[in-house]
Amino acid sequence: MIPTRFLISLCLSLAAKLDLTPAKSYAALIGFGGGDLRNHAFERDRSLPGTDTASSSKLWKLLGQKDGHAGVKLDTDSTRRLVTWMDTYTQRTGHFSDEQAAKLAAFRQDCAPLLKETKIP
């Protein structure tokens, strides 16, 4: 029988070698299942009703299992964020340049009054 301390030490040393930088994480997620998500996200130039990227991907089939995957279950917020990311064609970043990011921030600020809830008398 292998001692528990040895197994823990081995797992920690293997985990320490994982490269979890944004670029590697992105590549791992869209490359999962033989590039299944990449193919779903980039194979067409428009969305078709009932054929969303997330629900038809191998990644979602793995992570969306009722009991989670390998003991890890996504909470509601994480699930929504992941599905939204997949369904918006797995964007690497939320913008294409720093200039565009600044314009998007200014646009959100300009639109903020439109998004306030108002009570109807």
N, C-alpha and C. Protein backbone atom coordinates (compact mmCIF):
# COMPACT_ATOMS: atom_id res chain seq x y z
N MET A 1 0.83 -1.17 0.00
CA MET A 1 0.00 0.00 0.00
C MET A 1 0.89 1.25 0.00
N ILE A 2 0.53 2.23 -0.80
CA ILE A 2 1.31 3.46 -0.92
C ILE A 2 0.92 4.41 0.21
N PRO A 3 1.90 4.95 0.93
CA PRO A 3 1.59 5.86 2.04
C PRO A 3 0.88 7.13 1.55
N THR A 4 -0.09 7.60 2.32
CA THR A 4 -0.87 8.78 1.98
C THR A 4 0.02 10.00 1.81
N ARG A 5 1.01 10.17 2.68
CA ARG A 5 1.90 11.32 2.58
C ARG A 5 2.61 11.35 1.23
N PHE A 6 3.01 10.18 0.75
CA PHE A 6 3.68 10.10 -0.54
C PHE A 6 2.74 10.53 -1.66
N LEU A 7 1.49 10.05 -1.62
CA LEU A 7 0.52 10.41 -2.65
C LEU A 7 0.24 11.91 -2.65
N ILE A 8 0.10 12.49 -1.47
CA ILE A 8 -0.13 13.93 -1.38
C ILE A 8 1.06 14.70 -1.93
N SER A 9 2.24 14.28 -1.57
CA SER A 9 3.45 14.94 -2.07
C SER A 9 3.55 14.82 -3.59
N LEU A 10 3.24 13.66 -4.11
CA LEU A 10 3.28 13.45 -5.56
C LEU A 10 2.26 14.34 -6.26
N CYS A 11 1.04 14.39 -5.75
CA CYS A 11 0.00 15.24 -6.35
C CYS A 11 0.40 16.71 -6.32
N LEU A 12 0.95 17.17 -5.21
CA LEU A 12 1.36 18.56 -5.11
C LEU A 12 2.49 18.88 -6.08
N SER A 13 3.43 17.96 -6.24
CA SER A 13 4.54 18.23 -7.17
C SER A 13 4.04 18.23 -8.62
N LEU A 14 3.09 17.36 -8.95
CA LEU A 14 2.52 17.37 -10.30
C LEU A 14 1.71 18.64 -10.54
N ALA A 15 0.93 19.05 -9.56
CA ALA A 15 0.12 20.26 -9.70
C ALA A 15 1.00 21.50 -9.86
N ALA A 16 2.12 21.53 -9.18
CA ALA A 16 3.02 22.69 -9.26
C ALA A 16 3.60 22.84 -10.66
N LYS A 17 3.63 21.77 -11.43
CA LYS A 17 4.19 21.82 -12.79
C LYS A 17 3.18 22.26 -13.83
N LEU A 18 1.90 22.38 -13.44
CA LEU A 18 0.88 22.80 -14.40
C LEU A 18 1.06 24.26 -14.76
N ASP A 19 0.95 24.56 -16.02
CA ASP A 19 1.02 25.94 -16.49
C ASP A 19 -0.41 26.46 -16.62
N LEU A 20 -0.83 27.28 -15.67
CA LEU A 20 -2.19 27.80 -15.66
C LEU A 20 -2.25 29.26 -16.07
N THR A 21 -1.30 29.68 -16.89
CA THR A 21 -1.34 31.04 -17.40
C THR A 21 -2.56 31.18 -18.31
N PRO A 22 -3.06 32.41 -18.50
CA PRO A 22 -4.25 32.59 -19.34
C PRO A 22 -4.13 31.95 -20.73
N ALA A 23 -2.99 32.12 -21.36
CA ALA A 23 -2.83 31.57 -22.72
C ALA A 23 -2.92 30.05 -22.72
N LYS A 24 -2.27 29.40 -21.76
CA LYS A 24 -2.30 27.93 -21.71
C LYS A 24 -3.69 27.43 -21.30
N SER A 25 -4.33 28.12 -20.37
CA SER A 25 -5.66 27.72 -19.94
C SER A 25 -6.65 27.82 -21.10
N TYR A 26 -6.56 28.93 -21.84
CA TYR A 26 -7.43 29.13 -23.00
C TYR A 26 -7.22 28.01 -24.02
N ALA A 27 -5.96 27.72 -24.32
CA ALA A 27 -5.65 26.68 -25.30
C ALA A 27 -6.18 25.32 -24.83
N ALA A 28 -6.05 25.04 -23.54
CA ALA A 28 -6.52 23.76 -23.01
C ALA A 28 -8.05 23.65 -23.11
N LEU A 29 -8.75 24.73 -22.78
CA LEU A 29 -10.22 24.68 -22.83
C LEU A 29 -10.74 24.53 -24.26
N ILE A 30 -10.23 25.33 -25.19
CA ILE A 30 -10.78 25.21 -26.55
C ILE A 30 -10.22 24.01 -27.29
N GLY A 31 -9.12 23.44 -26.79
CA GLY A 31 -8.55 22.26 -27.42
C GLY A 31 -9.07 20.95 -26.87
N PHE A 32 -9.84 21.02 -25.77
CA PHE A 32 -10.36 19.80 -25.14
C PHE A 32 -11.20 18.99 -26.13
N GLY A 33 -11.12 17.69 -26.02
CA GLY A 33 -11.95 16.81 -26.86
C GLY A 33 -11.60 16.91 -28.33
N GLY A 34 -10.31 17.01 -28.64
CA GLY A 34 -9.88 17.07 -30.04
C GLY A 34 -10.22 18.39 -30.71
N GLY A 35 -10.30 19.46 -29.91
CA GLY A 35 -10.61 20.77 -30.49
C GLY A 35 -12.09 20.96 -30.75
N ASP A 36 -12.90 20.17 -30.07
CA ASP A 36 -14.35 20.20 -30.26
C ASP A 36 -14.95 21.60 -30.09
N LEU A 37 -14.59 22.29 -29.00
CA LEU A 37 -15.15 23.62 -28.76
C LEU A 37 -14.66 24.61 -29.81
N ARG A 38 -13.40 24.52 -30.17
CA ARG A 38 -12.86 25.39 -31.22
C ARG A 38 -13.64 25.19 -32.51
N ASN A 39 -13.91 23.97 -32.86
CA ASN A 39 -14.66 23.68 -34.09
C ASN A 39 -16.09 24.22 -34.01
N HIS A 40 -16.73 24.03 -32.87
CA HIS A 40 -18.10 24.54 -32.72
C HIS A 40 -18.14 26.06 -32.79
N ALA A 41 -17.16 26.70 -32.17
CA ALA A 41 -17.19 28.16 -32.09
C ALA A 41 -16.79 28.84 -33.39
N PHE A 42 -15.90 28.23 -34.15
CA PHE A 42 -15.36 28.93 -35.31
C PHE A 42 -15.78 28.35 -36.66
N GLU A 43 -16.62 27.32 -36.65
CA GLU A 43 -16.97 26.70 -37.93
C GLU A 43 -18.07 27.43 -38.69
N ARG A 44 -18.77 28.32 -38.03
CA ARG A 44 -19.84 29.04 -38.73
C ARG A 44 -19.74 30.53 -38.43
N ASP A 45 -20.34 31.31 -39.27
CA ASP A 45 -20.23 32.76 -39.14
C ASP A 45 -21.45 33.40 -38.48
N ARG A 46 -22.37 32.58 -37.99
CA ARG A 46 -23.55 33.12 -37.32
C ARG A 46 -24.14 32.07 -36.39
N SER A 47 -24.95 32.53 -35.48
CA SER A 47 -25.61 31.61 -34.55
C SER A 47 -26.90 31.11 -35.17
N LEU A 48 -27.21 29.88 -34.89
CA LEU A 48 -28.46 29.29 -35.37
C LEU A 48 -29.28 28.87 -34.16
N PRO A 49 -30.56 29.21 -34.13
CA PRO A 49 -31.40 28.84 -32.98
C PRO A 49 -31.32 27.35 -32.67
N GLY A 50 -31.15 27.05 -31.38
CA GLY A 50 -31.12 25.65 -30.96
C GLY A 50 -29.80 24.95 -31.19
N THR A 51 -28.80 25.65 -31.70
CA THR A 51 -27.51 25.01 -31.95
C THR A 51 -26.38 25.77 -31.25
N ASP A 52 -26.64 26.18 -30.02
CA ASP A 52 -25.64 26.95 -29.30
C ASP A 52 -24.37 26.13 -29.07
N THR A 53 -23.27 26.84 -28.97
CA THR A 53 -21.96 26.22 -28.87
C THR A 53 -21.81 25.38 -27.61
N ALA A 54 -22.22 25.93 -26.46
CA ALA A 54 -21.99 25.24 -25.19
C ALA A 54 -22.66 23.87 -25.14
N SER A 55 -23.96 23.84 -25.41
CA SER A 55 -24.70 22.59 -25.21
C SER A 55 -24.28 21.47 -26.15
N SER A 56 -23.64 21.80 -27.23
CA SER A 56 -23.22 20.77 -28.17
C SER A 56 -21.74 20.43 -28.06
N SER A 57 -21.05 20.98 -27.05
CA SER A 57 -19.61 20.74 -26.93
C SER A 57 -19.30 19.61 -25.95
N LYS A 58 -18.19 18.95 -26.19
CA LYS A 58 -17.73 17.89 -25.29
C LYS A 58 -17.31 18.46 -23.95
N LEU A 59 -16.78 19.69 -23.95
CA LEU A 59 -16.37 20.32 -22.70
C LEU A 59 -17.58 20.50 -21.78
N TRP A 60 -18.70 20.99 -22.34
CA TRP A 60 -19.89 21.17 -21.51
C TRP A 60 -20.45 19.83 -21.04
N LYS A 61 -20.40 18.83 -21.90
CA LYS A 61 -20.90 17.50 -21.51
C LYS A 61 -20.09 16.97 -20.32
N LEU A 62 -18.80 17.30 -20.27
CA LEU A 62 -17.96 16.87 -19.16
C LEU A 62 -18.23 17.71 -17.91
N LEU A 63 -18.20 19.03 -18.05
CA LEU A 63 -18.31 19.91 -16.89
C LEU A 63 -19.75 20.09 -16.40
N GLY A 64 -20.72 19.87 -17.26
CA GLY A 64 -22.11 20.09 -16.90
C GLY A 64 -22.81 18.87 -16.33
N GLN A 65 -22.06 17.83 -16.01
CA GLN A 65 -22.68 16.63 -15.44
C GLN A 65 -23.35 16.97 -14.11
N LYS A 66 -24.40 16.27 -13.81
CA LYS A 66 -25.18 16.53 -12.60
C LYS A 66 -24.30 16.57 -11.35
N ASP A 67 -23.40 15.63 -11.23
CA ASP A 67 -22.54 15.55 -10.05
C ASP A 67 -21.17 16.19 -10.27
N GLY A 68 -21.04 16.96 -11.35
CA GLY A 68 -19.76 17.60 -11.63
C GLY A 68 -18.78 16.65 -12.28
N HIS A 69 -17.52 17.04 -12.28
CA HIS A 69 -16.47 16.22 -12.87
C HIS A 69 -15.34 16.07 -11.86
N ALA A 70 -14.95 14.85 -11.60
CA ALA A 70 -13.85 14.53 -10.68
C ALA A 70 -14.05 15.21 -9.32
N GLY A 71 -15.31 15.25 -8.86
CA GLY A 71 -15.61 15.82 -7.56
C GLY A 71 -15.74 17.33 -7.55
N VAL A 72 -15.62 17.97 -8.70
CA VAL A 72 -15.73 19.42 -8.77
C VAL A 72 -17.04 19.76 -9.47
N LYS A 73 -17.88 20.53 -8.78
CA LYS A 73 -19.15 20.96 -9.35
C LYS A 73 -19.15 22.48 -9.43
N LEU A 74 -19.48 22.99 -10.60
CA LEU A 74 -19.52 24.44 -10.80
C LEU A 74 -20.72 25.04 -10.08
N ASP A 75 -20.50 26.20 -9.42
CA ASP A 75 -21.63 26.88 -8.82
C ASP A 75 -22.42 27.59 -9.93
N THR A 76 -23.56 28.16 -9.58
CA THR A 76 -24.45 28.76 -10.58
C THR A 76 -23.76 29.87 -11.35
N ASP A 77 -23.05 30.76 -10.65
CA ASP A 77 -22.38 31.88 -11.32
C ASP A 77 -21.29 31.37 -12.27
N SER A 78 -20.49 30.42 -11.84
CA SER A 78 -19.44 29.87 -12.69
C SER A 78 -20.02 29.17 -13.91
N THR A 79 -21.13 28.47 -13.71
CA THR A 79 -21.79 27.79 -14.83
C THR A 79 -22.26 28.80 -15.86
N ARG A 80 -22.92 29.85 -15.40
CA ARG A 80 -23.42 30.88 -16.32
C ARG A 80 -22.27 31.55 -17.07
N ARG A 81 -21.20 31.85 -16.35
CA ARG A 81 -20.05 32.51 -17.00
C ARG A 81 -19.42 31.61 -18.04
N LEU A 82 -19.27 30.33 -17.72
CA LEU A 82 -18.66 29.39 -18.67
C LEU A 82 -19.54 29.22 -19.91
N VAL A 83 -20.82 29.02 -19.71
CA VAL A 83 -21.74 28.84 -20.84
C VAL A 83 -21.79 30.10 -21.70
N THR A 84 -21.83 31.27 -21.06
CA THR A 84 -21.84 32.52 -21.82
C THR A 84 -20.57 32.65 -22.64
N TRP A 85 -19.44 32.34 -22.04
CA TRP A 85 -18.15 32.40 -22.75
C TRP A 85 -18.17 31.47 -23.97
N MET A 86 -18.65 30.25 -23.78
CA MET A 86 -18.69 29.30 -24.89
C MET A 86 -19.66 29.78 -25.97
N ASP A 87 -20.82 30.28 -25.56
CA ASP A 87 -21.83 30.69 -26.53
C ASP A 87 -21.50 31.99 -27.24
N THR A 88 -20.55 32.74 -26.72
CA THR A 88 -20.12 33.96 -27.42
C THR A 88 -18.81 33.68 -28.15
N TYR A 89 -18.68 32.46 -28.60
CA TYR A 89 -17.58 32.04 -29.46
C TYR A 89 -16.21 32.12 -28.81
N THR A 90 -16.15 31.76 -27.54
CA THR A 90 -14.90 31.56 -26.81
C THR A 90 -13.87 32.67 -27.02
N GLN A 91 -14.29 33.88 -26.77
CA GLN A 91 -13.38 35.02 -26.92
C GLN A 91 -12.18 34.86 -26.00
N ARG A 92 -11.01 35.18 -26.51
CA ARG A 92 -9.79 35.12 -25.71
C ARG A 92 -9.77 36.26 -24.70
N THR A 93 -10.17 37.44 -25.14
CA THR A 93 -10.28 38.60 -24.25
C THR A 93 -11.61 39.27 -24.57
N GLY A 94 -12.02 40.20 -23.74
CA GLY A 94 -13.28 40.88 -23.97
C GLY A 94 -13.20 42.00 -24.97
N HIS A 95 -12.01 42.21 -25.53
CA HIS A 95 -11.81 43.29 -26.50
C HIS A 95 -10.61 42.94 -27.38
N PHE A 96 -10.45 43.68 -28.45
CA PHE A 96 -9.36 43.40 -29.39
C PHE A 96 -8.15 44.29 -29.17
N SER A 97 -8.32 45.41 -28.51
CA SER A 97 -7.20 46.32 -28.25
C SER A 97 -7.51 47.15 -27.01
N ASP A 98 -6.49 47.79 -26.46
CA ASP A 98 -6.70 48.65 -25.30
C ASP A 98 -7.59 49.83 -25.66
N GLU A 99 -7.45 50.31 -26.88
CA GLU A 99 -8.30 51.42 -27.35
C GLU A 99 -9.77 51.00 -27.37
N GLN A 100 -10.03 49.80 -27.89
CA GLN A 100 -11.41 49.32 -27.93
C GLN A 100 -11.94 49.11 -26.51
N ALA A 101 -11.10 48.63 -25.60
CA ALA A 101 -11.53 48.43 -24.22
C ALA A 101 -11.93 49.76 -23.60
N ALA A 102 -11.17 50.81 -23.86
CA ALA A 102 -11.49 52.14 -23.33
C ALA A 102 -12.81 52.64 -23.92
N LYS A 103 -13.02 52.41 -25.21
CA LYS A 103 -14.27 52.83 -25.85
C LYS A 103 -15.46 52.07 -25.27
N LEU A 104 -15.28 50.78 -25.00
CA LEU A 104 -16.36 49.98 -24.42
C LEU A 104 -16.69 50.46 -23.01
N ALA A 105 -15.67 50.80 -22.23
CA ALA A 105 -15.90 51.30 -20.87
C ALA A 105 -16.66 52.63 -20.92
N ALA A 106 -16.27 53.51 -21.83
CA ALA A 106 -16.96 54.80 -21.97
C ALA A 106 -18.40 54.58 -22.43
N PHE A 107 -18.62 53.65 -23.33
CA PHE A 107 -19.97 53.35 -23.82
C PHE A 107 -20.85 52.83 -22.69
N ARG A 108 -20.29 51.92 -21.87
CA ARG A 108 -21.05 51.40 -20.73
C ARG A 108 -21.43 52.52 -19.77
N GLN A 109 -20.49 53.43 -19.55
CA GLN A 109 -20.77 54.56 -18.65
C GLN A 109 -21.86 55.45 -19.24
N ASP A 110 -21.79 55.71 -20.55
CA ASP A 110 -22.81 56.53 -21.20
C ASP A 110 -24.19 55.88 -21.14
N CYS A 111 -24.24 54.57 -21.19
CA CYS A 111 -25.51 53.85 -21.21
C CYS A 111 -26.05 53.53 -19.82
N ALA A 112 -25.25 53.74 -18.79
CA ALA A 112 -25.66 53.38 -17.43
C ALA A 112 -27.02 53.94 -17.04
N PRO A 113 -27.33 55.21 -17.35
CA PRO A 113 -28.65 55.72 -16.97
C PRO A 113 -29.81 54.95 -17.64
N LEU A 114 -29.57 54.40 -18.80
CA LEU A 114 -30.62 53.65 -19.49
C LEU A 114 -30.91 52.32 -18.81
N LEU A 115 -29.95 51.84 -18.05
CA LEU A 115 -30.09 50.52 -17.44
C LEU A 115 -30.57 50.57 -15.99
N LYS A 116 -30.80 51.75 -15.47
CA LYS A 116 -31.30 51.89 -14.10
C LYS A 116 -32.75 51.46 -14.04
N GLU A 117 -33.08 50.76 -12.97
CA GLU A 117 -34.48 50.36 -12.79
C GLU A 117 -35.27 51.56 -12.30
N THR A 118 -36.43 51.73 -12.88
CA THR A 118 -37.32 52.79 -12.41
C THR A 118 -38.61 52.15 -11.94
N LYS A 119 -39.12 52.69 -10.87
CA LYS A 119 -40.37 52.16 -10.33
C LYS A 119 -41.54 52.81 -11.06
N ILE A 120 -42.43 51.99 -11.49
CA ILE A 120 -43.63 52.48 -12.17
C ILE A 120 -44.68 52.74 -11.11
N PRO A 121 -45.23 53.98 -11.10
CA PRO A 121 -46.22 54.32 -10.05
C PRO A 121 -47.50 53.52 -10.19
